[in-house]
């Protein structure tokens, strides 16, 4: 149930506003709002309210797979399973204006011996 993100392309400085998420395993908190910042070199940082109801701080590295598809490798704090939770996230990010993108992200989840999927929505603003 690891939520993570980076904003937009790995090659553009941007701000990300995290929105809601859906967890197929029935996580209790779907209001996973937060803020992130992409430095433009592939590295991003941010914070959000995680699906366990705690605050998470994350760092991620982004690879662009296709023009609108990124892969994020993430480390996040704030989860009950340990001090640093690793994760991977596919990010379909679609431009809606010159500087705005809508993100739909997906990640596998492994909570309480349940395998599932997490979907997360966000928007980013390229600086």
N, C-alpha and C. Protein backbone atom coordinates (compact mmCIF):
# COMPACT_ATOMS: atom_id res chain seq x y z
N UNK A 1 0.82 -1.18 0.00
CA UNK A 1 0.00 0.00 0.00
C UNK A 1 0.87 1.24 0.00
N UNK A 2 1.95 1.14 -0.66
CA UNK A 2 2.90 2.24 -0.73
C UNK A 2 2.49 3.20 -1.83
N UNK A 3 2.30 4.43 -1.45
CA UNK A 3 1.98 5.48 -2.41
C UNK A 3 3.23 6.31 -2.60
N UNK A 4 3.55 6.59 -3.81
CA UNK A 4 4.71 7.36 -4.05
C UNK A 4 4.54 8.15 -5.32
N UNK A 5 5.34 9.04 -5.50
CA UNK A 5 5.27 9.79 -6.70
C UNK A 5 6.41 10.65 -6.97
N UNK A 6 6.45 10.96 -8.23
CA UNK A 6 7.30 12.00 -8.73
C UNK A 6 6.43 12.82 -9.65
N UNK A 7 6.83 14.02 -9.93
CA UNK A 7 5.99 14.90 -10.71
C UNK A 7 6.42 14.92 -12.16
N UNK A 8 5.54 14.49 -13.04
CA UNK A 8 5.76 14.64 -14.46
C UNK A 8 7.00 13.94 -14.97
N UNK A 9 7.66 14.57 -15.90
CA UNK A 9 8.83 13.99 -16.51
C UNK A 9 10.02 14.06 -15.59
N UNK A 10 10.93 13.12 -15.75
CA UNK A 10 12.15 13.11 -14.96
C UNK A 10 13.07 14.25 -15.37
N UNK A 11 12.72 14.98 -16.42
CA UNK A 11 13.61 16.03 -16.91
C UNK A 11 13.01 17.42 -16.79
N UNK A 12 12.04 17.60 -15.93
CA UNK A 12 11.42 18.92 -15.76
C UNK A 12 11.17 19.18 -14.27
N UNK A 13 11.60 20.36 -13.81
CA UNK A 13 11.27 20.72 -12.44
C UNK A 13 9.77 20.93 -12.36
N UNK A 14 9.16 20.35 -11.33
CA UNK A 14 7.71 20.48 -11.21
C UNK A 14 7.26 20.24 -9.78
N UNK A 15 6.04 20.70 -9.52
CA UNK A 15 5.38 20.49 -8.24
C UNK A 15 4.24 19.52 -8.48
N UNK A 16 4.10 18.56 -7.57
CA UNK A 16 3.04 17.56 -7.68
C UNK A 16 2.07 17.72 -6.52
N UNK A 17 0.78 17.69 -6.83
CA UNK A 17 -0.26 17.69 -5.81
C UNK A 17 -0.88 16.30 -5.82
N UNK A 18 -0.65 15.57 -4.72
CA UNK A 18 -1.19 14.21 -4.58
C UNK A 18 -2.68 14.27 -4.29
N UNK A 19 -3.43 13.43 -4.94
CA UNK A 19 -4.87 13.35 -4.72
C UNK A 19 -5.26 12.05 -4.05
N UNK A 20 -6.47 11.59 -4.30
CA UNK A 20 -6.96 10.37 -3.65
C UNK A 20 -6.36 9.11 -4.27
N UNK A 21 -6.54 8.01 -3.55
CA UNK A 21 -6.08 6.72 -4.07
C UNK A 21 -7.13 5.65 -3.81
N UNK A 22 -7.00 4.56 -4.53
CA UNK A 22 -7.87 3.41 -4.36
C UNK A 22 -6.98 2.20 -4.09
N UNK A 23 -7.34 1.41 -3.07
CA UNK A 23 -6.59 0.21 -2.72
C UNK A 23 -7.51 -0.99 -2.84
N UNK A 24 -7.13 -1.93 -3.68
CA UNK A 24 -7.99 -3.10 -3.89
C UNK A 24 -8.09 -3.96 -2.64
N UNK A 25 -7.17 -3.82 -1.72
CA UNK A 25 -7.22 -4.62 -0.48
C UNK A 25 -8.03 -3.93 0.61
N UNK A 26 -8.66 -2.80 0.31
CA UNK A 26 -9.54 -2.14 1.26
C UNK A 26 -8.83 -1.31 2.31
N UNK A 27 -7.72 -0.67 1.99
CA UNK A 27 -7.04 0.20 2.94
C UNK A 27 -8.01 1.25 3.47
N UNK A 28 -7.84 1.64 4.71
CA UNK A 28 -8.82 2.50 5.37
C UNK A 28 -8.77 3.95 4.93
N UNK A 29 -7.62 4.47 4.51
CA UNK A 29 -7.52 5.87 4.14
C UNK A 29 -7.28 6.02 2.64
N UNK A 30 -8.27 6.53 1.91
CA UNK A 30 -8.11 6.78 0.48
C UNK A 30 -7.79 8.25 0.22
N UNK A 31 -7.79 9.08 1.26
CA UNK A 31 -7.48 10.50 1.12
C UNK A 31 -5.99 10.69 1.34
N UNK A 32 -5.21 10.37 0.30
CA UNK A 32 -3.76 10.36 0.39
C UNK A 32 -3.17 11.65 -0.19
N UNK A 33 -3.63 12.77 0.31
CA UNK A 33 -3.22 14.06 -0.23
C UNK A 33 -1.84 14.45 0.27
N UNK A 34 -1.12 15.23 -0.55
CA UNK A 34 0.20 15.69 -0.18
C UNK A 34 0.82 16.53 -1.28
N UNK A 35 2.10 16.86 -1.11
CA UNK A 35 2.85 17.67 -2.08
C UNK A 35 4.19 17.03 -2.36
N UNK A 36 4.66 17.18 -3.59
CA UNK A 36 5.97 16.68 -3.97
C UNK A 36 6.67 17.68 -4.87
N UNK A 37 7.99 17.48 -5.02
CA UNK A 37 8.79 18.34 -5.89
C UNK A 37 9.76 17.48 -6.68
N UNK A 38 9.77 17.65 -8.01
CA UNK A 38 10.72 16.97 -8.89
C UNK A 38 11.81 17.97 -9.25
N UNK A 39 13.05 17.58 -9.04
CA UNK A 39 14.19 18.48 -9.25
C UNK A 39 14.59 18.63 -10.71
N UNK A 40 14.12 17.79 -11.60
CA UNK A 40 14.45 17.91 -13.01
C UNK A 40 15.58 16.99 -13.43
N UNK A 41 16.19 16.28 -12.48
CA UNK A 41 17.27 15.34 -12.80
C UNK A 41 16.86 13.90 -12.58
N UNK A 42 15.57 13.65 -12.34
CA UNK A 42 15.06 12.32 -12.07
C UNK A 42 14.75 12.08 -10.60
N UNK A 43 15.24 12.93 -9.71
CA UNK A 43 15.01 12.76 -8.28
C UNK A 43 13.84 13.62 -7.82
N UNK A 44 12.98 13.04 -6.96
CA UNK A 44 11.83 13.76 -6.40
C UNK A 44 11.74 13.50 -4.90
N UNK A 45 11.15 14.45 -4.20
CA UNK A 45 10.88 14.30 -2.77
C UNK A 45 9.47 14.81 -2.51
N UNK A 46 8.90 14.41 -1.36
CA UNK A 46 7.58 14.91 -1.02
C UNK A 46 7.06 14.29 0.26
N UNK A 47 5.83 14.63 0.57
CA UNK A 47 5.15 14.09 1.75
C UNK A 47 3.67 13.95 1.43
N UNK A 48 3.03 12.97 2.06
CA UNK A 48 1.60 12.73 1.84
C UNK A 48 1.05 11.98 3.04
N UNK A 49 -0.26 11.94 3.13
CA UNK A 49 -0.94 11.16 4.15
C UNK A 49 -1.11 9.76 3.58
N UNK A 50 -0.51 8.76 4.17
CA UNK A 50 -0.55 7.43 3.55
C UNK A 50 -1.85 6.68 3.85
N UNK A 51 -1.98 5.51 3.27
CA UNK A 51 -3.22 4.74 3.40
C UNK A 51 -3.42 4.16 4.79
N UNK A 52 -2.39 4.21 5.65
CA UNK A 52 -2.53 3.80 7.04
C UNK A 52 -2.93 4.96 7.94
N UNK A 53 -3.04 6.17 7.35
CA UNK A 53 -3.44 7.35 8.11
C UNK A 53 -2.28 8.09 8.73
N UNK A 54 -1.05 7.71 8.40
CA UNK A 54 0.15 8.38 8.92
C UNK A 54 0.74 9.28 7.85
N UNK A 55 1.62 10.17 8.26
CA UNK A 55 2.34 11.01 7.30
C UNK A 55 3.55 10.25 6.78
N UNK A 56 3.72 10.25 5.48
CA UNK A 56 4.89 9.63 4.84
C UNK A 56 5.71 10.71 4.15
N UNK A 57 7.02 10.56 4.22
CA UNK A 57 7.97 11.37 3.48
C UNK A 57 8.66 10.41 2.51
N UNK A 58 8.87 10.85 1.26
CA UNK A 58 9.44 9.94 0.27
C UNK A 58 10.53 10.60 -0.55
N UNK A 59 11.35 9.77 -1.12
CA UNK A 59 12.31 10.13 -2.16
C UNK A 59 12.13 9.12 -3.27
N UNK A 60 12.23 9.57 -4.52
CA UNK A 60 12.05 8.64 -5.63
C UNK A 60 12.99 8.98 -6.78
N UNK A 61 13.26 7.99 -7.59
CA UNK A 61 14.03 8.15 -8.81
C UNK A 61 13.13 7.73 -9.96
N UNK A 62 13.13 8.51 -11.04
CA UNK A 62 12.21 8.29 -12.15
C UNK A 62 12.95 7.97 -13.44
N UNK A 63 12.41 6.96 -14.15
CA UNK A 63 12.86 6.65 -15.50
C UNK A 63 11.68 6.84 -16.44
N UNK A 64 11.90 7.50 -17.56
CA UNK A 64 10.86 7.63 -18.58
C UNK A 64 10.92 6.41 -19.48
N UNK A 65 9.82 5.64 -19.52
CA UNK A 65 9.76 4.43 -20.33
C UNK A 65 9.26 4.72 -21.74
N UNK A 66 8.22 5.54 -21.82
CA UNK A 66 7.60 5.97 -23.07
C UNK A 66 7.23 7.44 -22.90
N UNK A 67 6.82 8.14 -23.94
CA UNK A 67 6.53 9.57 -23.79
C UNK A 67 5.61 9.94 -22.63
N UNK A 68 4.60 9.14 -22.31
CA UNK A 68 3.69 9.48 -21.22
C UNK A 68 3.67 8.43 -20.11
N UNK A 69 4.70 7.62 -20.05
CA UNK A 69 4.75 6.55 -19.06
C UNK A 69 6.10 6.55 -18.35
N UNK A 70 6.07 6.77 -17.04
CA UNK A 70 7.27 6.77 -16.22
C UNK A 70 7.24 5.61 -15.23
N UNK A 71 8.41 5.24 -14.76
CA UNK A 71 8.56 4.26 -13.69
C UNK A 71 9.28 4.94 -12.54
N UNK A 72 8.72 4.85 -11.33
CA UNK A 72 9.32 5.45 -10.14
C UNK A 72 9.76 4.35 -9.19
N UNK A 73 10.99 4.44 -8.72
CA UNK A 73 11.48 3.60 -7.62
C UNK A 73 11.49 4.49 -6.39
N UNK A 74 10.85 4.04 -5.30
CA UNK A 74 10.57 4.92 -4.17
C UNK A 74 10.99 4.31 -2.84
N UNK A 75 11.41 5.17 -1.92
CA UNK A 75 11.55 4.83 -0.52
C UNK A 75 10.69 5.80 0.26
N UNK A 76 9.83 5.29 1.14
CA UNK A 76 8.92 6.14 1.91
C UNK A 76 8.95 5.75 3.39
N UNK A 77 8.75 6.73 4.24
CA UNK A 77 8.65 6.50 5.68
C UNK A 77 7.17 6.43 6.06
N UNK A 78 6.91 6.12 7.33
CA UNK A 78 5.56 6.26 7.86
C UNK A 78 4.67 5.04 7.79
N UNK A 79 5.20 3.90 7.35
CA UNK A 79 4.40 2.68 7.27
C UNK A 79 4.73 1.75 8.43
N UNK A 80 3.76 0.96 8.85
CA UNK A 80 3.92 0.10 10.02
C UNK A 80 4.90 -1.05 9.79
N UNK A 81 5.17 -1.41 8.54
CA UNK A 81 6.02 -2.57 8.28
C UNK A 81 7.52 -2.29 8.42
N UNK A 82 7.92 -1.03 8.63
CA UNK A 82 9.34 -0.73 8.82
C UNK A 82 9.64 0.74 8.63
N UNK A 83 10.86 1.14 8.96
CA UNK A 83 11.21 2.56 8.88
C UNK A 83 11.27 3.10 7.45
N UNK A 84 11.64 2.24 6.48
CA UNK A 84 11.67 2.63 5.07
C UNK A 84 10.96 1.56 4.25
N UNK A 85 9.94 1.97 3.55
CA UNK A 85 9.18 1.04 2.71
C UNK A 85 9.56 1.28 1.25
N UNK A 86 10.11 0.26 0.55
CA UNK A 86 10.42 0.42 -0.87
C UNK A 86 9.19 0.16 -1.73
N UNK A 87 9.19 0.72 -2.92
CA UNK A 87 8.08 0.48 -3.83
C UNK A 87 8.42 0.87 -5.25
N UNK A 88 7.62 0.41 -6.18
CA UNK A 88 7.71 0.81 -7.58
C UNK A 88 6.33 1.28 -8.01
N UNK A 89 6.32 2.21 -8.93
CA UNK A 89 5.07 2.84 -9.34
C UNK A 89 5.13 3.14 -10.83
N UNK A 90 4.12 2.68 -11.59
CA UNK A 90 3.96 3.09 -12.99
C UNK A 90 3.12 4.35 -13.01
N UNK A 91 3.51 5.32 -13.79
CA UNK A 91 2.87 6.64 -13.82
C UNK A 91 2.49 7.00 -15.25
N UNK A 92 1.20 6.89 -15.56
CA UNK A 92 0.67 7.37 -16.82
C UNK A 92 0.37 8.85 -16.63
N UNK A 93 1.13 9.72 -17.29
CA UNK A 93 0.95 11.16 -17.09
C UNK A 93 0.63 11.83 -18.43
N UNK A 94 -0.52 12.49 -18.46
CA UNK A 94 -1.06 13.04 -19.69
C UNK A 94 -1.10 14.56 -19.60
N UNK A 95 -0.49 15.26 -20.55
CA UNK A 95 -0.55 16.72 -20.52
C UNK A 95 -1.96 17.23 -20.79
N UNK A 96 -2.40 18.22 -20.00
CA UNK A 96 -3.71 18.84 -20.22
C UNK A 96 -3.56 20.31 -20.60
N UNK A 97 -2.35 20.83 -20.50
CA UNK A 97 -1.99 22.18 -20.94
C UNK A 97 -0.47 22.18 -21.05
N UNK A 98 0.10 23.30 -21.44
CA UNK A 98 1.55 23.36 -21.62
C UNK A 98 2.32 22.97 -20.36
N UNK A 99 1.83 23.34 -19.20
CA UNK A 99 2.57 23.10 -17.96
C UNK A 99 1.87 22.15 -16.98
N UNK A 100 0.64 21.73 -17.27
CA UNK A 100 -0.13 20.86 -16.37
C UNK A 100 -0.17 19.44 -16.90
N UNK A 101 -0.09 18.47 -15.98
CA UNK A 101 -0.25 17.05 -16.32
C UNK A 101 -1.16 16.40 -15.29
N UNK A 102 -1.96 15.44 -15.77
CA UNK A 102 -2.76 14.59 -14.90
C UNK A 102 -2.03 13.26 -14.82
N UNK A 103 -1.92 12.72 -13.60
CA UNK A 103 -1.20 11.47 -13.37
C UNK A 103 -2.17 10.41 -12.85
N UNK A 104 -2.08 9.22 -13.41
CA UNK A 104 -2.73 8.04 -12.86
C UNK A 104 -1.62 7.03 -12.63
N UNK A 105 -1.40 6.70 -11.36
CA UNK A 105 -0.29 5.84 -10.98
C UNK A 105 -0.81 4.52 -10.44
N UNK A 106 -0.04 3.47 -10.64
CA UNK A 106 -0.41 2.14 -10.15
C UNK A 106 0.80 1.48 -9.52
N UNK A 107 0.55 0.76 -8.43
CA UNK A 107 1.61 0.07 -7.73
C UNK A 107 1.06 -1.22 -7.12
N UNK A 108 1.87 -2.30 -7.13
CA UNK A 108 1.43 -3.50 -6.41
C UNK A 108 1.47 -3.24 -4.91
N UNK A 109 0.59 -3.89 -4.16
CA UNK A 109 0.57 -3.77 -2.70
C UNK A 109 0.68 -5.16 -2.08
N UNK A 110 1.27 -5.19 -0.90
CA UNK A 110 1.46 -6.45 -0.17
C UNK A 110 1.18 -6.17 1.29
N UNK A 111 -0.08 -6.15 1.67
CA UNK A 111 -0.47 -5.79 3.03
C UNK A 111 -1.17 -6.95 3.71
N UNK A 112 -0.72 -7.27 4.92
CA UNK A 112 -1.36 -8.32 5.73
C UNK A 112 -1.56 -9.59 4.92
N UNK A 113 -0.53 -9.99 4.20
CA UNK A 113 -0.57 -11.21 3.37
C UNK A 113 -1.57 -11.13 2.23
N UNK A 114 -2.01 -9.92 1.89
CA UNK A 114 -2.90 -9.73 0.75
C UNK A 114 -2.14 -9.03 -0.36
N UNK A 115 -2.21 -9.57 -1.55
CA UNK A 115 -1.63 -8.92 -2.71
C UNK A 115 -2.74 -8.12 -3.38
N UNK A 116 -2.43 -6.90 -3.77
CA UNK A 116 -3.44 -6.06 -4.41
C UNK A 116 -2.80 -5.03 -5.30
N UNK A 117 -3.57 -4.00 -5.61
CA UNK A 117 -3.08 -2.91 -6.43
C UNK A 117 -3.55 -1.59 -5.83
N UNK A 118 -2.72 -0.59 -5.94
CA UNK A 118 -3.07 0.75 -5.50
C UNK A 118 -3.09 1.63 -6.75
N UNK A 119 -4.15 2.42 -6.89
CA UNK A 119 -4.25 3.42 -7.95
C UNK A 119 -4.26 4.78 -7.28
N UNK A 120 -3.55 5.73 -7.85
CA UNK A 120 -3.43 7.05 -7.23
C UNK A 120 -3.55 8.12 -8.31
N UNK A 121 -4.27 9.19 -8.00
CA UNK A 121 -4.43 10.32 -8.91
C UNK A 121 -3.66 11.52 -8.39
N UNK A 122 -3.11 12.30 -9.32
CA UNK A 122 -2.37 13.50 -8.95
C UNK A 122 -2.35 14.45 -10.14
N UNK A 123 -1.94 15.69 -9.89
CA UNK A 123 -1.70 16.66 -10.95
C UNK A 123 -0.34 17.28 -10.70
N UNK A 124 0.33 17.67 -11.77
CA UNK A 124 1.63 18.34 -11.62
C UNK A 124 1.67 19.62 -12.44
N UNK A 125 2.47 20.54 -11.95
CA UNK A 125 2.70 21.84 -12.59
C UNK A 125 4.18 21.95 -12.87
N UNK A 126 4.55 22.03 -14.15
CA UNK A 126 5.95 22.21 -14.55
C UNK A 126 6.36 23.64 -14.27
N UNK A 127 7.50 23.81 -13.64
CA UNK A 127 7.99 25.16 -13.31
C UNK A 127 8.88 25.71 -14.38
